[in-house]
Amino acid sequence: MDPSALEALINFAYNGNLAIDQQNVQSLLMGASFLQLQSIKDACCTFLRERLHPKNCLGVRQFAETMMCAVLYDSANSFIHQHFVEVSMSEEFLALPLEDVLELVSRDELNVKSEEQVFEAALAWVRYDREQRGPYLPELLSNIRLPLCRPQFLSDRVQQDDLVRCCHKCRDLVDEAKDYHLMPERRPHLPAFRTRPRCCTSIAGLIYAVGGLNSAGDSLNVVEVFDPIANRWERCRPMTTARSRVGVAVVNGLLYAIGGYDGQLRLSTVEAYNPETDTWTRVGSMNSKRSAMGTVVLDGQIYVCGGYDGNSSLSSVETYSPETD
């Protein structure tokens, strides 16, 4: 045990005072764990949890695992998933062993705008020690959801990379991903996990409230977003049209507001929100006006099912392709 940490813990036993800082927190936590001082251990874990950062979270997670601090471990793990892109640029990430990188890039919980960011992170890790890590690239790519990358990215970035070009297994994985876009009929034969979107894809793990009705029964164009990490709601740019009973879908980092009711008429119009620019853009309209319909995304396509057109309930189904509008 670190002598200065032991002295601080003994003094705490006499006077009840203890100063925790960046220099002594780990030593104090180890000493408190050894002496079974749970209150000090909890205070140290809270100190570390409140100071999680993309540059230190991997080290904190490893330390928490060593010290069997489950709450701190879970907090660090969630932070890593939520801030994966920033974490992947840290020295800690580049120093990770293969098994830790594989575990990370395979997680559903990764908060990424696109699968392309996961590819870039894995490639940066390989290039950090190309001679030793180059042979691991096929295993890494097999855990990345390449079919979810844009066709242009697959052709212009992935396929052209020299590490990919010189590896037969890597080229096969790229071909499989391209086939996903070129031959949709083969999609059911692909491994399910490689075509499953990440849980936090596109909208950064945020919760959006789109349109709706106010207390007077008027349709709203208001959009608000809730950040679970910051624990706060904020206003986004309002929609161009007031919409209640609106369908909402997320594809490729854009949030689509589909149809709905503006207070007078059912709508067929659709608009897309880009959270990076905080702007709404009109896209292709539906063939039928409808509100209160079922909305779902499957294989990058938006499906709207049923709903109400102002006169009767609908049984029709429409699909929208963001790539072709």
C-alpha atoms as a PDB file:
ATOM      1  CA  MET A   1       0.000   0.000   0.000  1.00  0.00           C
ATOM      2  CA  ASP A   2       1.226   3.508  -0.788  1.00  0.00           C
ATOM      3  CA  PRO A   3       2.578   5.044   2.469  1.00  0.00           C
ATOM      4  CA  SER A   4       1.035   8.466   1.869  1.00  0.00           C
ATOM      5  CA  ALA A   5      -2.360   6.872   1.159  1.00  0.00           C
ATOM      6  CA  LEU A   6      -2.102   4.811   4.352  1.00  0.00           C
ATOM      7  CA  GLU A   7      -1.249   7.943   6.327  1.00  0.00           C
ATOM      8  CA  ALA A   8      -4.224   9.805   4.819  1.00  0.00           C
ATOM      9  CA  LEU A   9      -6.574   6.945   5.688  1.00  0.00           C
ATOM     10  CA  ILE A  10      -5.287   6.760   9.273  1.00  0.00           C
ATOM     11  CA  ASN A  11      -5.761  10.522   9.654  1.00  0.00           C
ATOM     12  CA  PHE A  12      -9.287  10.137   8.276  1.00  0.00           C
ATOM     13  CA  ALA A  13     -10.040   7.566  10.965  1.00  0.00           C
ATOM     14  CA  TYR A  14      -9.092  10.165  13.615  1.00  0.00           C
ATOM     15  CA  ASN A  15     -10.417  13.446  12.218  1.00  0.00           C
ATOM     16  CA  GLY A  16     -12.888  12.455   9.492  1.00  0.00           C
ATOM     17  CA  ASN A  17     -11.166  14.604   6.862  1.00  0.00           C
ATOM     18  CA  LEU A  18      -9.814  13.313   3.550  1.00  0.00           C
ATOM     19  CA  ALA A  19      -8.726  15.238   0.454  1.00  0.00           C
ATOM     20  CA  ILE A  20      -9.121  13.262  -2.786  1.00  0.00           C
ATOM     21  CA  ASP A  21      -7.332  14.491  -5.903  1.00  0.00           C
ATOM     22  CA  GLN A  22      -6.081  13.188  -9.240  1.00  0.00           C
ATOM     23  CA  GLN A  23      -2.718  12.223  -7.758  1.00  0.00           C
ATOM     24  CA  ASN A  24      -3.936  10.155  -4.804  1.00  0.00           C
ATOM     25  CA  VAL A  25      -7.337   8.798  -5.848  1.00  0.00           C
ATOM     26  CA  GLN A  26      -6.103   5.430  -7.106  1.00  0.00           C
ATOM     27  CA  SER A  27      -3.839   4.861  -4.103  1.00  0.00           C
ATOM     28  CA  LEU A  28      -6.647   5.817  -1.741  1.00  0.00           C
ATOM     29  CA  LEU A  29      -9.084   3.491  -3.490  1.00  0.00           C
ATOM     30  CA  MET A  30      -6.649   0.580  -3.267  1.00  0.00           C
ATOM     31  CA  GLY A  31      -5.988   1.305   0.396  1.00  0.00           C
ATOM     32  CA  ALA A  32      -9.675   1.698   1.193  1.00  0.00           C
ATOM     33  CA  SER A  33     -10.416  -1.568  -0.555  1.00  0.00           C
ATOM     34  CA  PHE A  34      -7.684  -3.350   1.405  1.00  0.00           C
ATOM     35  CA  LEU A  35      -8.882  -1.881   4.715  1.00  0.00           C
ATOM     36  CA  GLN A  36     -12.565  -2.399   3.797  1.00  0.00           C
ATOM     37  CA  LEU A  37     -13.415   1.285   4.137  1.00  0.00           C
ATOM     38  CA  GLN A  38     -16.457   1.218   1.877  1.00  0.00           C
ATOM     39  CA  SER A  39     -17.365   4.897   2.265  1.00  0.00           C
ATOM     40  CA  ILE A  40     -13.891   5.960   1.084  1.00  0.00           C
ATOM     41  CA  LYS A  41     -13.974   3.452  -1.738  1.00  0.00           C
ATOM     42  CA  ASP A  42     -17.346   4.825  -2.874  1.00  0.00           C
ATOM     43  CA  ALA A  43     -16.078   8.417  -2.657  1.00  0.00           C
ATOM     44  CA  CYS A  44     -13.045   7.566  -4.803  1.00  0.00           C
ATOM     45  CA  CYS A  45     -15.236   5.835  -7.376  1.00  0.00           C
ATOM     46  CA  THR A  46     -17.516   8.866  -7.516  1.00  0.00           C
ATOM     47  CA  PHE A  47     -14.484  11.136  -7.964  1.00  0.00           C
ATOM     48  CA  LEU A  48     -13.270   9.068 -10.922  1.00  0.00           C
ATOM     49  CA  ARG A  49     -16.738   8.704 -12.421  1.00  0.00           C
ATOM     50  CA  GLU A  50     -17.288  12.473 -12.419  1.00  0.00           C
ATOM     51  CA  ARG A  51     -13.990  13.000 -14.252  1.00  0.00           C
ATOM     52  CA  LEU A  52     -14.355  10.474 -17.040  1.00  0.00           C
ATOM     53  CA  HIS A  53     -12.889  11.749 -20.306  1.00  0.00           C
ATOM     54  CA  PRO A  54     -12.215  10.194 -23.736  1.00  0.00           C
ATOM     55  CA  LYS A  55      -8.503  10.216 -22.896  1.00  0.00           C
ATOM     56  CA  ASN A  56      -8.790   8.380 -19.547  1.00  0.00           C
ATOM     57  CA  CYS A  57     -11.968   6.266 -19.630  1.00  0.00           C
ATOM     58  CA  LEU A  58     -10.290   3.078 -20.885  1.00  0.00           C
ATOM     59  CA  GLY A  59      -7.724   3.226 -18.095  1.00  0.00           C
ATOM     60  CA  VAL A  60     -10.420   3.942 -15.522  1.00  0.00           C
ATOM     61  CA  ARG A  61     -12.430   0.969 -16.759  1.00  0.00           C
ATOM     62  CA  GLN A  62      -9.424  -1.334 -16.427  1.00  0.00           C
ATOM     63  CA  PHE A  63      -8.670   0.000 -12.940  1.00  0.00           C
ATOM     64  CA  ALA A  64     -12.316  -0.436 -11.900  1.00  0.00           C
ATOM     65  CA  GLU A  65     -12.265  -4.025 -13.106  1.00  0.00           C
ATOM     66  CA  THR A  66      -9.081  -4.720 -11.141  1.00  0.00           C
ATOM     67  CA  MET A  67     -10.572  -3.196  -7.988  1.00  0.00           C
ATOM     68  CA  MET A  68     -13.962  -4.905  -8.530  1.00  0.00           C
ATOM     69  CA  CYS A  69     -15.802  -1.574  -8.545  1.00  0.00           C
ATOM     70  CA  ALA A  70     -18.869  -2.594 -10.529  1.00  0.00           C
ATOM     71  CA  VAL A  71     -20.610   0.793 -10.624  1.00  0.00           C
ATOM     72  CA  LEU A  72     -17.468   2.600 -11.786  1.00  0.00           C
ATOM     73  CA  TYR A  73     -16.795  -0.117 -14.362  1.00  0.00           C
ATOM     74  CA  ASP A  74     -20.307   0.182 -15.783  1.00  0.00           C
ATOM     75  CA  SER A  75     -20.072   3.978 -15.873  1.00  0.00           C
ATOM     76  CA  ALA A  76     -16.737   3.880 -17.698  1.00  0.00           C
ATOM     77  CA  ASN A  77     -18.065   1.273 -20.112  1.00  0.00           C
ATOM     78  CA  SER A  78     -21.124   3.376 -20.933  1.00  0.00           C
ATOM     79  CA  PHE A  79     -18.936   6.449 -21.383  1.00  0.00           C
ATOM     80  CA  ILE A  80     -16.692   4.557 -23.821  1.00  0.00           C
ATOM     81  CA  HIS A  81     -19.675   3.444 -25.890  1.00  0.00           C
ATOM     82  CA  GLN A  82     -21.260   6.902 -25.839  1.00  0.00           C
ATOM     83  CA  HIS A  83     -18.028   8.695 -26.846  1.00  0.00           C
ATOM     84  CA  PHE A  84     -16.488   5.981 -28.994  1.00  0.00           C
ATOM     85  CA  VAL A  85     -15.270   8.241 -31.800  1.00  0.00           C
ATOM     86  CA  GLU A  86     -13.358  10.531 -29.423  1.00  0.00           C
ATOM     87  CA  VAL A  87     -12.096   7.541 -27.414  1.00  0.00           C
ATOM     88  CA  SER A  88     -10.780   5.887 -30.586  1.00  0.00           C
ATOM     89  CA  MET A  89      -8.474   8.882 -31.125  1.00  0.00           C
ATOM     90  CA  SER A  90      -6.805   8.497 -27.726  1.00  0.00           C
ATOM     91  CA  GLU A  91      -3.458   6.927 -26.924  1.00  0.00           C
ATOM     92  CA  GLU A  92      -5.229   4.521 -24.569  1.00  0.00           C
ATOM     93  CA  PHE A  93      -7.282   3.136 -27.461  1.00  0.00           C
ATOM     94  CA  LEU A  94      -4.257   2.722 -29.719  1.00  0.00           C
ATOM     95  CA  ALA A  95      -2.511   0.797 -26.925  1.00  0.00           C
ATOM     96  CA  LEU A  96      -5.379  -1.661 -26.367  1.00  0.00           C
ATOM     97  CA  PRO A  97      -4.800  -5.381 -26.959  1.00  0.00           C
ATOM     98  CA  LEU A  98      -6.611  -7.058 -29.844  1.00  0.00           C
ATOM     99  CA  GLU A  99      -9.270  -8.741 -27.708  1.00  0.00           C
ATOM    100  CA  ASP A 100     -10.357  -5.398 -26.218  1.00  0.00           C
ATOM    101  CA  VAL A 101     -10.614  -3.748 -29.643  1.00  0.00           C
ATOM    102  CA  LEU A 102     -12.632  -6.690 -30.974  1.00  0.00           C
ATOM    103  CA  GLU A 103     -14.976  -6.470 -28.001  1.00  0.00           C
ATOM    104  CA  LEU A 104     -15.477  -2.759 -28.573  1.00  0.00           C
ATOM    105  CA  VAL A 105     -16.088  -2.730 -32.331  1.00  0.00           C
ATOM    106  CA  SER A 106     -18.605  -5.562 -32.018  1.00  0.00           C
ATOM    107  CA  ARG A 107     -20.784  -3.766 -29.438  1.00  0.00           C
ATOM    108  CA  ASP A 108     -24.339  -2.826 -30.402  1.00  0.00           C
ATOM    109  CA  GLU A 109     -24.164   0.097 -27.971  1.00  0.00           C
ATOM    110  CA  LEU A 110     -21.530   2.097 -29.869  1.00  0.00           C
ATOM    111  CA  ASN A 111     -22.697   5.652 -30.479  1.00  0.00           C
ATOM    112  CA  VAL A 112     -21.578   6.380 -34.041  1.00  0.00           C
ATOM    113  CA  LYS A 113     -23.080   8.423 -36.838  1.00  0.00           C
ATOM    114  CA  SER A 114     -22.133   5.724 -39.319  1.00  0.00           C
ATOM    115  CA  GLU A 115     -20.312   2.399 -39.460  1.00  0.00           C
ATOM    116  CA  GLU A 116     -17.584   4.194 -41.377  1.00  0.00           C
ATOM    117  CA  GLN A 117     -16.353   5.693 -38.113  1.00  0.00           C
ATOM    118  CA  VAL A 118     -15.888   2.210 -36.655  1.00  0.00           C
ATOM    119  CA  PHE A 119     -13.881   1.173 -39.720  1.00  0.00           C
ATOM    120  CA  GLU A 120     -11.621   4.232 -39.402  1.00  0.00           C
ATOM    121  CA  ALA A 121     -11.048   3.528 -35.704  1.00  0.00           C
ATOM    122  CA  ALA A 122     -10.091  -0.092 -36.344  1.00  0.00           C
ATOM    123  CA  LEU A 123      -7.802   0.866 -39.209  1.00  0.00           C
ATOM    124  CA  ALA A 124      -6.067   3.509 -37.081  1.00  0.00           C
ATOM    125  CA  TRP A 125      -5.444   0.869 -34.396  1.00  0.00           C
ATOM    126  CA  VAL A 126      -3.899  -1.492 -36.971  1.00  0.00           C
ATOM    127  CA  ARG A 127      -1.710   1.218 -38.507  1.00  0.00           C
ATOM    128  CA  TYR A 128      -0.391   2.217 -35.074  1.00  0.00           C
ATOM    129  CA  ASP A 129       1.699  -0.981 -35.194  1.00  0.00           C
ATOM    130  CA  ARG A 130       1.221  -2.144 -38.758  1.00  0.00           C
ATOM    131  CA  GLU A 131       3.811  -4.910 -38.707  1.00  0.00           C
ATOM    132  CA  GLN A 132       2.394  -6.630 -35.622  1.00  0.00           C
ATOM    133  CA  ARG A 133      -1.291  -5.819 -36.111  1.00  0.00           C
ATOM    134  CA  GLY A 134      -1.681  -6.118 -39.868  1.00  0.00           C
ATOM    135  CA  PRO A 135      -2.590  -9.838 -39.678  1.00  0.00           C
ATOM    136  CA  TYR A 136      -5.486  -8.967 -37.327  1.00  0.00           C
ATOM    137  CA  LEU A 137      -7.296  -6.826 -39.920  1.00  0.00           C
ATOM    138  CA  PRO A 138      -9.525  -9.629 -41.324  1.00  0.00           C
ATOM    139  CA  GLU A 139     -10.767 -10.496 -37.834  1.00  0.00           C
ATOM    140  CA  LEU A 140     -11.454  -6.844 -37.097  1.00  0.00           C
ATOM    141  CA  LEU A 141     -13.315  -6.269 -40.363  1.00  0.00           C
ATOM    142  CA  SER A 142     -15.442  -9.358 -39.761  1.00  0.00           C
ATOM    143  CA  ASN A 143     -16.677  -7.691 -36.552  1.00  0.00           C
ATOM    144  CA  ILE A 144     -17.428  -4.383 -38.277  1.00  0.00           C
ATOM    145  CA  ARG A 145     -20.760  -3.976 -40.041  1.00  0.00           C
ATOM    146  CA  LEU A 146     -19.343  -3.141 -43.453  1.00  0.00           C
ATOM    147  CA  PRO A 147     -22.680  -3.671 -45.270  1.00  0.00           C
ATOM    148  CA  LEU A 148     -23.985  -0.625 -43.383  1.00  0.00           C
ATOM    149  CA  CYS A 149     -21.324   1.617 -44.948  1.00  0.00           C
ATOM    150  CA  ARG A 150     -22.234   3.712 -47.975  1.00  0.00           C
ATOM    151  CA  PRO A 151     -21.414   2.066 -51.344  1.00  0.00           C
ATOM    152  CA  GLN A 152     -19.191   5.020 -52.240  1.00  0.00           C
ATOM    153  CA  PHE A 153     -17.228   4.609 -49.018  1.00  0.00           C
ATOM    154  CA  LEU A 154     -16.754   0.900 -49.663  1.00  0.00           C
ATOM    155  CA  SER A 155     -15.457   1.553 -53.180  1.00  0.00           C
ATOM    156  CA  ASP A 156     -13.441   4.728 -52.647  1.00  0.00           C
ATOM    157  CA  ARG A 157     -12.092   4.231 -49.119  1.00  0.00           C
ATOM    158  CA  VAL A 158     -12.216   0.635 -47.898  1.00  0.00           C
ATOM    159  CA  GLN A 159     -11.479  -1.165 -51.145  1.00  0.00           C
ATOM    160  CA  GLN A 160      -8.654   1.237 -52.030  1.00  0.00           C
ATOM    161  CA  ASP A 161      -6.792   0.895 -48.732  1.00  0.00           C
ATOM    162  CA  ASP A 162      -3.470  -0.870 -49.244  1.00  0.00           C
ATOM    163  CA  LEU A 163      -3.937  -3.100 -46.176  1.00  0.00           C
ATOM    164  CA  VAL A 164      -7.291  -4.278 -47.514  1.00  0.00           C
ATOM    165  CA  ARG A 165      -6.096  -4.721 -51.097  1.00  0.00           C
ATOM    166  CA  CYS A 166      -3.294  -7.079 -50.106  1.00  0.00           C
ATOM    167  CA  CYS A 167      -5.548  -9.338 -47.969  1.00  0.00           C
ATOM    168  CA  HIS A 168      -7.780 -11.902 -49.668  1.00  0.00           C
ATOM    169  CA  LYS A 169     -10.085 -12.296 -46.646  1.00  0.00           C
ATOM    170  CA  CYS A 170     -10.523  -8.527 -46.377  1.00  0.00           C
ATOM    171  CA  ARG A 171     -11.407  -8.242 -50.053  1.00  0.00           C
ATOM    172  CA  ASP A 172     -14.024 -10.965 -49.605  1.00  0.00           C
ATOM    173  CA  LEU A 173     -15.623  -9.014 -46.757  1.00  0.00           C
ATOM    174  CA  VAL A 174     -15.720  -5.859 -48.885  1.00  0.00           C
ATOM    175  CA  ASP A 175     -17.302  -7.792 -51.765  1.00  0.00           C
ATOM    176  CA  GLU A 176     -19.919  -9.155 -49.359  1.00  0.00           C
ATOM    177  CA  ALA A 177     -20.716  -5.620 -48.202  1.00  0.00           C
ATOM    178  CA  LYS A 178     -21.007  -4.346 -51.783  1.00  0.00           C
ATOM    179  CA  ASP A 179     -23.304  -7.245 -52.673  1.00  0.00           C
ATOM    180  CA  TYR A 180     -25.575  -6.139 -49.842  1.00  0.00           C
ATOM    181  CA  HIS A 181     -26.234  -2.946 -51.800  1.00  0.00           C
ATOM    182  CA  LEU A 182     -26.098  -4.358 -55.331  1.00  0.00           C
ATOM    183  CA  MET A 183     -28.094  -7.555 -54.778  1.00  0.00           C
ATOM    184  CA  PRO A 184     -30.755  -7.066 -52.086  1.00  0.00           C
ATOM    185  CA  GLU A 185     -32.053 -10.589 -52.631  1.00  0.00           C
ATOM    186  CA  ARG A 186     -28.877 -11.926 -50.975  1.00  0.00           C
ATOM    187  CA  ARG A 187     -29.339  -9.939 -47.777  1.00  0.00           C
ATOM    188  CA  PRO A 188     -31.109 -12.742 -45.876  1.00  0.00           C
ATOM    189  CA  HIS A 189     -28.013 -14.916 -46.357  1.00  0.00           C
ATOM    190  CA  LEU A 190     -25.618 -12.467 -44.688  1.00  0.00           C
ATOM    191  CA  PRO A 191     -24.666 -12.911 -41.009  1.00  0.00           C
ATOM    192  CA  ALA A 192     -27.370 -11.058 -39.080  1.00  0.00           C
ATOM    193  CA  PHE A 193     -25.000  -9.174 -36.778  1.00  0.00           C
ATOM    194  CA  ARG A 194     -23.160  -7.586 -39.730  1.00  0.00           C
ATOM    195  CA  THR A 195     -26.335  -5.926 -40.980  1.00  0.00           C
ATOM    196  CA  ARG A 196     -27.801  -4.991 -37.593  1.00  0.00           C
ATOM    197  CA  PRO A 197     -27.657  -1.235 -36.901  1.00  0.00           C
ATOM    198  CA  ARG A 198     -25.964  -0.081 -33.723  1.00  0.00           C
ATOM    199  CA  CYS A 199     -28.406   0.854 -30.985  1.00  0.00           C
ATOM    200  CA  CYS A 200     -27.266   4.486 -30.913  1.00  0.00           C
ATOM    201  CA  THR A 201     -26.608   4.970 -34.597  1.00  0.00           C
ATOM    202  CA  SER A 202     -27.115   8.397 -36.122  1.00  0.00           C
ATOM    203  CA  ILE A 203     -28.835  10.422 -33.461  1.00  0.00           C
ATOM    204  CA  ALA A 204     -26.108  10.053 -30.847  1.00  0.00           C
ATOM    205  CA  GLY A 205     -28.176   8.280 -28.220  1.00  0.00           C
ATOM    206  CA  LEU A 206     -30.496  11.286 -27.931  1.00  0.00           C
ATOM    207  CA  ILE A 207     -34.279  11.278 -27.561  1.00  0.00           C
ATOM    208  CA  TYR A 208     -36.286  13.492 -29.924  1.00  0.00           C
ATOM    209  CA  ALA A 209     -39.831  14.746 -29.348  1.00  0.00           C
ATOM    210  CA  VAL A 210     -41.237  15.740 -32.737  1.00  0.00           C
ATOM    211  CA  GLY A 211     -44.395  17.803 -33.223  1.00  0.00           C
ATOM    212  CA  GLY A 212     -47.538  16.771 -31.367  1.00  0.00           C
ATOM    213  CA  LEU A 213     -50.385  18.765 -29.821  1.00  0.00           C
ATOM    214  CA  ASN A 214     -50.413  21.559 -27.254  1.00  0.00           C
ATOM    215  CA  SER A 215     -52.953  21.920 -24.452  1.00  0.00           C
ATOM    216  CA  ALA A 216     -55.304  23.777 -26.793  1.00  0.00           C
ATOM    217  CA  GLY A 217     -55.248  20.919 -29.290  1.00  0.00           C
ATOM    218  CA  ASP A 218     -53.180  22.788 -31.896  1.00  0.00           C
ATOM    219  CA  SER A 219     -50.629  20.874 -33.970  1.00  0.00           C
ATOM    220  CA  LEU A 220     -47.012  21.886 -33.296  1.00  0.00           C
ATOM    221  CA  ASN A 221     -43.881  22.265 -35.398  1.00  0.00           C
ATOM    222  CA  VAL A 222     -41.753  22.216 -32.242  1.00  0.00           C
ATOM    223  CA  VAL A 223     -38.873  19.730 -31.918  1.00  0.00           C
ATOM    224  CA  GLU A 224     -37.013  19.080 -28.670  1.00  0.00           C
ATOM    225  CA  VAL A 225     -34.094  16.795 -27.889  1.00  0.00           C
ATOM    226  CA  PHE A 226     -33.153  15.141 -24.595  1.00  0.00           C
ATOM    227  CA  ASP A 227     -29.531  14.324 -23.784  1.00  0.00           C
ATOM    228  CA  PRO A 228     -29.449  11.473 -21.201  1.00  0.00           C
ATOM    229  CA  ILE A 229     -25.812  12.196 -20.372  1.00  0.00           C
ATOM    230  CA  ALA A 230     -26.353  15.900 -19.646  1.00  0.00           C
ATOM    231  CA  ASN A 231     -29.882  15.194 -18.324  1.00  0.00           C
ATOM    232  CA  ARG A 232     -31.459  18.154 -20.121  1.00  0.00           C
ATOM    233  CA  TRP A 233     -33.925  19.035 -22.892  1.00  0.00           C
ATOM    234  CA  GLU A 234     -33.083  21.559 -25.623  1.00  0.00           C
ATOM    235  CA  ARG A 235     -35.026  23.066 -28.520  1.00  0.00           C
ATOM    236  CA  CYS A 236     -34.026  22.176 -32.085  1.00  0.00           C
ATOM    237  CA  ARG A 237     -34.940  24.124 -35.191  1.00  0.00           C
ATOM    238  CA  PRO A 238     -38.702  23.711 -35.694  1.00  0.00           C
ATOM    239  CA  MET A 239     -40.136  21.783 -38.624  1.00  0.00           C
ATOM    240  CA  THR A 240     -41.287  23.731 -41.670  1.00  0.00           C
ATOM    241  CA  THR A 241     -44.792  22.339 -41.111  1.00  0.00           C
ATOM    242  CA  ALA A 242     -46.780  21.751 -37.927  1.00  0.00           C
ATOM    243  CA  ARG A 243     -47.362  18.016 -37.496  1.00  0.00           C
ATOM    244  CA  SER A 244     -49.220  15.950 -34.919  1.00  0.00           C
ATOM    245  CA  ARG A 245     -49.642  12.167 -35.130  1.00  0.00           C
ATOM    246  CA  VAL A 246     -46.491  12.291 -37.243  1.00  0.00           C
ATOM    247  CA  GLY A 247     -44.391   9.292 -38.283  1.00  0.00           C
ATOM    248  CA  VAL A 248     -40.706   9.476 -37.332  1.00  0.00           C
ATOM    249  CA  ALA A 249     -37.762   7.425 -38.614  1.00  0.00           C
ATOM    250  CA  VAL A 250     -33.955   7.646 -38.486  1.00  0.00           C
ATOM    251  CA  VAL A 251     -31.766   6.638 -41.439  1.00  0.00           C
ATOM    252  CA  ASN A 252     -28.111   7.490 -42.111  1.00  0.00           C
ATOM    253  CA  GLY A 253     -27.932  10.188 -39.465  1.00  0.00           C
ATOM    254  CA  LEU A 254     -31.096  12.002 -40.570  1.00  0.00           C
ATOM    255  CA  LEU A 255     -34.411  12.147 -38.717  1.00  0.00           C
ATOM    256  CA  TYR A 256     -37.473  12.001 -40.972  1.00  0.00           C
ATOM    257  CA  ALA A 257     -40.831  13.566 -40.041  1.00  0.00           C
ATOM    258  CA  ILE A 258     -43.442  11.839 -42.181  1.00  0.00           C
ATOM    259  CA  GLY A 259     -47.005  12.947 -42.860  1.00  0.00           C
ATOM    260  CA  GLY A 260     -49.156  13.746 -39.857  1.00  0.00           C
ATOM    261  CA  TYR A 261     -51.879  16.324 -39.257  1.00  0.00           C
ATOM    262  CA  ASP A 262     -51.344  20.106 -39.390  1.00  0.00           C
ATOM    263  CA  GLY A 263     -54.590  21.030 -37.638  1.00  0.00           C
ATOM    264  CA  GLN A 264     -56.627  21.202 -40.838  1.00  0.00           C
ATOM    265  CA  LEU A 265     -55.438  18.482 -43.206  1.00  0.00           C
ATOM    266  CA  ARG A 266     -53.676  15.133 -43.200  1.00  0.00           C
ATOM    267  CA  LEU A 267     -50.254  15.468 -44.828  1.00  0.00           C
ATOM    268  CA  SER A 268     -48.291  13.535 -47.427  1.00  0.00           C
ATOM    269  CA  THR A 269     -45.200  15.731 -47.131  1.00  0.00           C
ATOM    270  CA  VAL A 270     -41.937  14.554 -45.572  1.00  0.00           C
ATOM    271  CA  GLU A 271     -38.997  16.535 -44.220  1.00  0.00           C
ATOM    272  CA  ALA A 272     -35.587  15.416 -42.958  1.00  0.00           C
ATOM    273  CA  TYR A 273     -33.636  16.874 -40.028  1.00  0.00           C
ATOM    274  CA  ASN A 274     -29.832  16.982 -39.974  1.00  0.00           C
ATOM    275  CA  PRO A 275     -28.667  17.277 -36.331  1.00  0.00           C
ATOM    276  CA  GLU A 276     -25.183  18.393 -37.411  1.00  0.00           C
ATOM    277  CA  THR A 277     -26.478  21.499 -39.183  1.00  0.00           C
ATOM    278  CA  ASP A 278     -29.755  21.862 -37.242  1.00  0.00           C
ATOM    279  CA  THR A 279     -31.682  22.174 -40.515  1.00  0.00           C
ATOM    280  CA  TRP A 280     -34.820  20.666 -42.053  1.00  0.00           C
ATOM    281  CA  THR A 281     -35.038  19.770 -45.759  1.00  0.00           C
ATOM    282  CA  ARG A 282     -38.112  18.724 -47.734  1.00  0.00           C
ATOM    283  CA  VAL A 283     -37.777  15.316 -49.398  1.00  0.00           C
ATOM    284  CA  GLY A 284     -40.074  13.178 -51.533  1.00  0.00           C
ATOM    285  CA  SER A 285     -43.716  13.085 -50.437  1.00  0.00           C
ATOM    286  CA  MET A 286     -45.819   9.982 -49.868  1.00  0.00           C
ATOM    287  CA  ASN A 287     -48.372   8.903 -52.439  1.00  0.00           C
ATOM    288  CA  SER A 288     -51.164   9.142 -49.854  1.00  0.00           C
ATOM    289  CA  LYS A 289     -51.908  11.643 -47.121  1.00  0.00           C
ATOM    290  CA  ARG A 290     -51.854   9.929 -43.745  1.00  0.00           C
ATOM    291  CA  SER A 291     -51.419  10.452 -40.014  1.00  0.00           C
ATOM    292  CA  ALA A 292     -51.049   8.074 -37.062  1.00  0.00           C
ATOM    293  CA  MET A 293     -49.412   5.443 -39.268  1.00  0.00           C
ATOM    294  CA  GLY A 294     -46.916   2.772 -38.322  1.00  0.00           C
ATOM    295  CA  THR A 295     -43.352   3.716 -39.286  1.00  0.00           C
ATOM    296  CA  VAL A 296     -40.335   1.409 -39.364  1.00  0.00           C
ATOM    297  CA  VAL A 297     -36.865   1.229 -40.933  1.00  0.00           C
ATOM    298  CA  LEU A 298     -35.697  -2.010 -42.546  1.00  0.00           C
ATOM    299  CA  ASP A 299     -32.452  -2.410 -44.515  1.00  0.00           C
ATOM    300  CA  GLY A 300     -32.107   1.347 -44.883  1.00  0.00           C
ATOM    301  CA  GLN A 301     -35.631   1.793 -46.281  1.00  0.00           C
ATOM    302  CA  ILE A 302     -38.482   3.608 -44.517  1.00  0.00           C
ATOM    303  CA  TYR A 303     -41.851   1.843 -44.466  1.00  0.00           C
ATOM    304  CA  VAL A 304     -45.129   3.534 -43.512  1.00  0.00           C
ATOM    305  CA  CYS A 305     -48.107   1.294 -42.836  1.00  0.00           C
ATOM    306  CA  GLY A 306     -51.771   2.168 -42.568  1.00  0.00           C
ATOM    307  CA  GLY A 307     -52.838   5.335 -40.786  1.00  0.00           C
ATOM    308  CA  TYR A 308     -55.768   7.683 -41.295  1.00  0.00           C
ATOM    309  CA  ASP A 309     -56.366   9.994 -44.288  1.00  0.00           C
ATOM    310  CA  GLY A 310     -59.091  12.140 -42.739  1.00  0.00           C
ATOM    311  CA  ASN A 311     -61.927   9.985 -44.003  1.00  0.00           C
ATOM    312  CA  SER A 312     -61.026   6.384 -43.295  1.00  0.00           C
ATOM    313  CA  SER A 313     -58.335   4.104 -41.928  1.00  0.00           C
ATOM    314  CA  LEU A 314     -55.795   2.954 -44.511  1.00  0.00           C
ATOM    315  CA  SER A 315     -54.450  -0.519 -45.248  1.00  0.00           C
ATOM    316  CA  SER A 316     -51.865   0.637 -47.804  1.00  0.00           C
ATOM    317  CA  VAL A 317     -48.100   0.479 -47.257  1.00  0.00           C
ATOM    318  CA  GLU A 318     -45.464   2.748 -48.813  1.00  0.00           C
ATOM    319  CA  THR A 319     -41.676   2.571 -48.815  1.00  0.00           C
ATOM    320  CA  TYR A 320     -39.130   5.372 -49.167  1.00  0.00           C
ATOM    321  CA  SER A 321     -35.492   5.057 -50.247  1.00  0.00           C
ATOM    322  CA  PRO A 322     -33.291   7.855 -48.840  1.00  0.00           C
ATOM    323  CA  GLU A 323     -30.647   7.107 -51.490  1.00  0.00           C
ATOM    324  CA  THR A 324     -32.966   7.791 -54.435  1.00  0.00           C
ATOM    325  CA  ASP A 325     -35.473  10.114 -52.702  1.00  0.00           C
END
